[in-house]
Amino acid sequence: MELARFLHGTSDTRTGGQTLTHGRAYEAFGNVFFGGRRRQVFTRLARLSGARPGDRALDVGCGTGYLTLCVADAVGPTGSALGIDPSPDVLAHARRRAVRHPQCAFADGIAEDLPGPDGGYDLVVSSLMVHHLPEDVRARAAAEMYRVLRPGGRLLLADFRPPANPLARHLVGAVTGPVMEHNPVHLLQPLVRDAGFTGIETGDLHPWIHYVRAAKPTDPGTPAGPGTPGASAAPGERA
């Protein structure tokens, strides 16, 4: 199916995952797909991440950089936001959009081998990326996110949530393919937990997003309590 290939891209030879192409067209599709709520949803995700002025933030699988730029706005000129993606086409589009954000940069990279030293970031975010990864590398990607976060650093993962209605879910599959029709977003929470994160909270944002937020413990012997990520929504919130 042409649209499914468009949404999920071509195989990346480094990982076997998928890379997006046609950044400008993907951006236009995203605006339509969110029914006019895209900016609202991604601004909300940036706030849920707990991004603060001065934070060093990393967006994994940034695509065209939509969430990266929202986070860049939140961390301000004293912070930094780096988006990584394996697709040259979407990175080129992201860089064009970021010309007025000097604190924002984009670079080639993959989720399973993140740039930067251990503990180099205050915040790691990722949106609509995990379903592009082969199932056998998702745990490695989560472990890398844990590695590059400082103790007490925050994580936000967001991915496509299929409709609960069977007919609507089937229609999504007919348009986009089985990856999004059957996307197992309920596995994001155990993925994050098994990587070592604590203070885990989950929720949904209308119309299509399920998110998990968590924190890297400040001390391996002292688990972080609920609410550690530092944002203002309760678990299971819908917006």
Protein backbone atom coordinates (compact mmCIF):
# COMPACT_ATOMS: atom_id res chain seq x y z
CA MET A 1 0.00 0.00 0.00
CA GLU A 2 1.52 3.31 -1.09
CA LEU A 3 0.36 5.36 1.91
CA ALA A 4 1.62 2.74 4.37
CA ARG A 5 5.04 2.78 2.70
CA PHE A 6 4.96 6.58 2.77
CA LEU A 7 4.17 6.65 6.51
CA HIS A 8 6.66 4.00 7.54
CA GLY A 9 9.43 4.70 5.07
CA THR A 10 12.18 2.45 3.82
CA SER A 11 14.40 -0.02 5.65
CA ASP A 12 17.41 1.39 7.46
CA THR A 13 20.43 -0.79 6.72
CA ARG A 14 21.98 -0.14 10.15
CA THR A 15 19.11 -1.51 12.21
CA GLY A 16 16.46 -3.10 10.02
CA GLY A 17 14.02 -0.42 11.20
CA GLN A 18 12.22 2.12 9.04
CA THR A 19 13.23 5.62 8.00
CA LEU A 20 10.84 8.28 6.78
CA THR A 21 11.24 9.99 3.43
CA HIS A 22 9.51 12.97 1.79
CA GLY A 23 9.71 15.25 4.83
CA ARG A 24 7.56 18.06 3.42
CA ALA A 25 4.74 15.71 2.41
CA TYR A 26 4.93 13.87 5.74
CA GLU A 27 4.59 17.20 7.53
CA ALA A 28 1.49 18.06 5.52
CA PHE A 29 -0.04 14.64 6.21
CA GLY A 30 0.62 15.04 9.93
CA ASN A 31 -1.31 18.29 10.04
CA VAL A 32 -4.31 16.65 8.37
CA PHE A 33 -4.05 13.44 10.41
CA PHE A 34 -4.37 15.32 13.70
CA GLY A 35 -7.46 17.15 12.52
CA GLY A 36 -6.13 20.59 13.29
CA ARG A 37 -4.96 19.62 16.81
CA ARG A 38 -1.34 18.81 16.04
CA ARG A 39 0.15 21.95 17.56
CA GLN A 40 -2.03 21.57 20.65
CA VAL A 41 -1.09 17.90 21.11
CA PHE A 42 2.66 18.38 20.69
CA THR A 43 2.76 21.50 22.86
CA ARG A 44 1.00 19.42 25.51
CA LEU A 45 3.57 16.63 25.10
CA ALA A 46 6.39 19.12 25.59
CA ARG A 47 4.75 20.31 28.82
CA LEU A 48 4.13 16.77 30.01
CA SER A 49 7.81 16.01 29.48
CA GLY A 50 8.65 18.52 32.21
CA ALA A 51 10.98 20.48 29.91
CA ARG A 52 12.37 23.49 31.77
CA PRO A 53 14.47 26.51 30.82
CA GLY A 54 18.12 25.51 30.60
CA ASP A 55 17.49 21.79 30.07
CA ARG A 56 19.62 19.75 27.67
CA ALA A 57 17.02 17.76 25.70
CA LEU A 58 17.28 14.93 23.17
CA ASP A 59 14.46 13.95 20.77
CA VAL A 60 14.95 10.39 19.53
CA GLY A 61 13.59 9.62 16.06
CA CYS A 62 12.65 13.27 15.65
CA GLY A 63 11.36 13.03 12.07
CA THR A 64 10.56 16.51 10.80
CA GLY A 65 11.32 17.97 14.22
CA TYR A 66 7.83 18.97 15.33
CA LEU A 67 8.26 17.87 18.96
CA THR A 68 11.91 18.96 18.98
CA LEU A 69 10.87 22.53 18.24
CA CYS A 70 8.15 22.48 20.90
CA VAL A 71 10.74 21.30 23.42
CA ALA A 72 13.20 23.94 22.18
CA ASP A 73 10.60 26.59 22.98
CA ALA A 74 10.26 25.17 26.50
CA VAL A 75 14.00 24.95 27.28
CA GLY A 76 14.57 28.45 25.92
CA PRO A 77 17.78 30.12 24.83
CA THR A 78 19.69 28.88 27.88
CA GLY A 79 18.90 25.24 27.02
CA SER A 80 19.41 23.01 24.01
CA ALA A 81 17.32 20.57 22.01
CA LEU A 82 18.93 18.00 19.71
CA GLY A 83 16.79 15.89 17.38
CA ILE A 84 18.25 12.73 15.86
CA ASP A 85 16.90 10.64 13.00
CA PRO A 86 18.42 8.30 10.39
CA SER A 87 16.61 9.96 7.44
CA PRO A 88 18.53 12.71 5.60
CA ASP A 89 15.34 13.96 3.96
CA VAL A 90 13.38 14.63 7.15
CA LEU A 91 16.46 16.08 8.85
CA ALA A 92 16.86 18.57 6.00
CA HIS A 93 13.24 19.60 6.43
CA ALA A 94 13.67 19.88 10.21
CA ARG A 95 16.71 22.12 9.82
CA ARG A 96 14.80 24.45 7.52
CA ARG A 97 12.06 24.79 10.14
CA ALA A 98 14.55 25.46 12.95
CA VAL A 99 16.31 28.52 11.53
CA ARG A 100 14.79 30.76 14.21
CA HIS A 101 15.69 28.40 17.04
CA PRO A 102 19.46 28.70 17.64
CA GLN A 103 19.18 26.37 20.64
CA CYS A 104 17.84 23.60 18.37
CA ALA A 105 19.96 21.27 16.20
CA PHE A 106 19.46 18.06 14.23
CA ALA A 107 21.84 15.18 13.51
CA ASP A 108 21.95 11.71 12.01
CA GLY A 109 21.48 9.01 14.60
CA ILE A 110 19.62 5.86 15.62
CA ALA A 111 17.75 5.01 18.80
CA GLU A 112 19.88 1.96 19.57
CA ASP A 113 23.16 3.92 19.60
CA LEU A 114 22.46 7.42 20.89
CA PRO A 115 24.99 10.23 20.67
CA GLY A 116 26.46 11.71 23.81
CA PRO A 117 28.08 10.50 27.03
CA ASP A 118 26.41 8.76 29.94
CA GLY A 119 24.22 11.24 31.80
CA GLY A 120 24.58 13.93 29.14
CA TYR A 121 20.92 15.00 28.99
CA ASP A 122 18.30 16.29 31.41
CA LEU A 123 15.42 15.17 29.20
CA VAL A 124 14.79 12.54 26.51
CA VAL A 125 11.61 12.60 24.43
CA SER A 126 10.36 10.57 21.49
CA SER A 127 7.11 10.69 19.53
CA LEU A 128 5.65 8.35 16.91
CA MET A 129 8.96 6.51 16.67
CA VAL A 130 8.84 3.27 18.66
CA HIS A 131 6.51 1.51 16.21
CA HIS A 132 9.14 2.04 13.48
CA LEU A 133 11.69 -0.04 15.43
CA PRO A 134 11.97 -3.82 15.08
CA GLU A 135 10.64 -5.44 18.24
CA ASP A 136 14.01 -7.03 19.04
CA VAL A 137 15.81 -3.66 19.31
CA ARG A 138 13.25 -1.69 21.32
CA ALA A 139 14.75 -2.75 24.65
CA ARG A 140 18.19 -1.60 23.47
CA ALA A 141 16.73 1.75 22.48
CA ALA A 142 15.12 2.18 25.92
CA ALA A 143 18.41 1.22 27.59
CA GLU A 144 20.21 3.88 25.54
CA MET A 145 17.68 6.50 26.61
CA TYR A 146 18.34 5.51 30.22
CA ARG A 147 22.11 5.68 29.69
CA VAL A 148 22.23 9.20 28.27
CA LEU A 149 19.98 10.69 30.97
CA ARG A 150 21.52 12.14 34.11
CA PRO A 151 20.27 10.77 37.44
CA GLY A 152 16.89 12.36 38.01
CA GLY A 153 16.51 13.07 34.28
CA ARG A 154 13.09 12.73 32.67
CA LEU A 155 11.72 10.59 29.83
CA LEU A 156 8.63 11.01 27.69
CA LEU A 157 7.66 8.40 25.07
CA ALA A 158 4.58 8.94 22.90
CA ASP A 159 3.26 6.72 20.13
CA PHE A 160 0.21 6.16 17.98
CA ARG A 161 -2.79 4.76 19.86
CA PRO A 162 -5.13 2.76 17.61
CA PRO A 163 -8.86 3.52 18.01
CA ALA A 164 -10.72 1.31 20.48
CA ASN A 165 -13.62 0.90 18.07
CA PRO A 166 -12.97 -2.18 15.86
CA LEU A 167 -14.40 -0.56 12.74
CA ALA A 168 -12.35 2.60 13.18
CA ARG A 169 -9.26 0.50 13.86
CA HIS A 170 -9.88 -1.48 10.68
CA LEU A 171 -10.21 1.76 8.71
CA VAL A 172 -6.87 2.94 10.11
CA GLY A 173 -5.32 -0.32 8.99
CA ALA A 174 -6.85 -0.05 5.53
CA VAL A 175 -5.31 3.40 5.09
CA THR A 176 -1.97 3.07 6.90
CA GLY A 177 -1.27 -0.66 7.11
CA PRO A 178 -1.15 -3.17 9.99
CA VAL A 179 1.70 -1.46 11.90
CA MET A 180 -0.57 1.32 13.11
CA GLU A 181 -3.76 -0.74 13.22
CA HIS A 182 -2.26 -3.12 15.78
CA ASN A 183 0.33 -0.90 17.46
CA PRO A 184 0.75 -2.38 20.99
CA VAL A 185 1.09 0.85 22.95
CA HIS A 186 0.32 -1.04 26.17
CA LEU A 187 3.88 -2.41 25.91
CA LEU A 188 5.47 1.03 26.28
CA GLN A 189 5.07 1.02 30.05
CA PRO A 190 6.84 -2.34 30.64
CA LEU A 191 9.51 -1.33 28.12
CA VAL A 192 10.28 1.77 30.17
CA ARG A 193 10.05 -0.09 33.49
CA ASP A 194 12.39 -2.87 32.36
CA ALA A 195 14.97 -0.28 31.29
CA GLY A 196 15.17 0.89 34.92
CA PHE A 197 12.95 3.98 34.90
CA THR A 198 10.70 4.75 37.85
CA GLY A 199 7.90 7.16 38.71
CA ILE A 200 6.09 5.90 35.63
CA GLU A 201 2.85 7.58 34.54
CA THR A 202 0.75 6.98 31.43
CA GLY A 203 -2.05 8.78 29.64
CA ASP A 204 -3.77 9.52 26.33
CA LEU A 205 -4.09 12.69 24.29
CA HIS A 206 -6.92 13.03 21.78
CA PRO A 207 -7.04 11.91 19.04
CA TRP A 208 -4.20 9.41 18.57
CA ILE A 209 -1.50 9.59 21.24
CA HIS A 210 -0.61 7.34 24.16
CA TYR A 211 2.28 8.54 26.30
CA VAL A 212 4.50 7.24 29.08
CA ARG A 213 6.59 9.52 31.23
CA ALA A 214 9.12 8.46 33.83
CA ALA A 215 12.43 9.37 35.44
CA LYS A 216 15.86 7.90 35.90
CA PRO A 217 16.37 7.32 39.63
CA THR A 218 18.58 9.86 41.38
CA ASP A 219 20.05 6.99 43.37
CA PRO A 220 19.83 3.33 42.23
CA GLY A 221 18.84 2.39 45.78
CA THR A 222 16.12 5.05 46.07
CA PRO A 223 13.29 4.65 43.52
CA ALA A 224 11.66 7.86 42.37
CA GLY A 225 8.12 8.35 43.61
CA PRO A 226 4.98 9.15 41.63
CA GLY A 227 5.05 12.48 39.86
CA THR A 228 8.84 12.58 39.56
CA PRO A 229 8.74 13.68 35.91
CA GLY A 230 7.43 17.01 37.18
CA ALA A 231 4.50 17.74 34.88
CA SER A 232 0.96 18.56 35.85
CA ALA A 233 -1.22 15.74 34.53
CA ALA A 234 -2.53 12.76 36.40
CA PRO A 235 -2.08 9.20 35.05
CA GLY A 236 -4.62 8.37 32.39
CA GLU A 237 -5.41 12.00 31.60
CA ARG A 238 -7.13 12.72 28.31
CA ALA A 239 -6.92 16.10 26.67
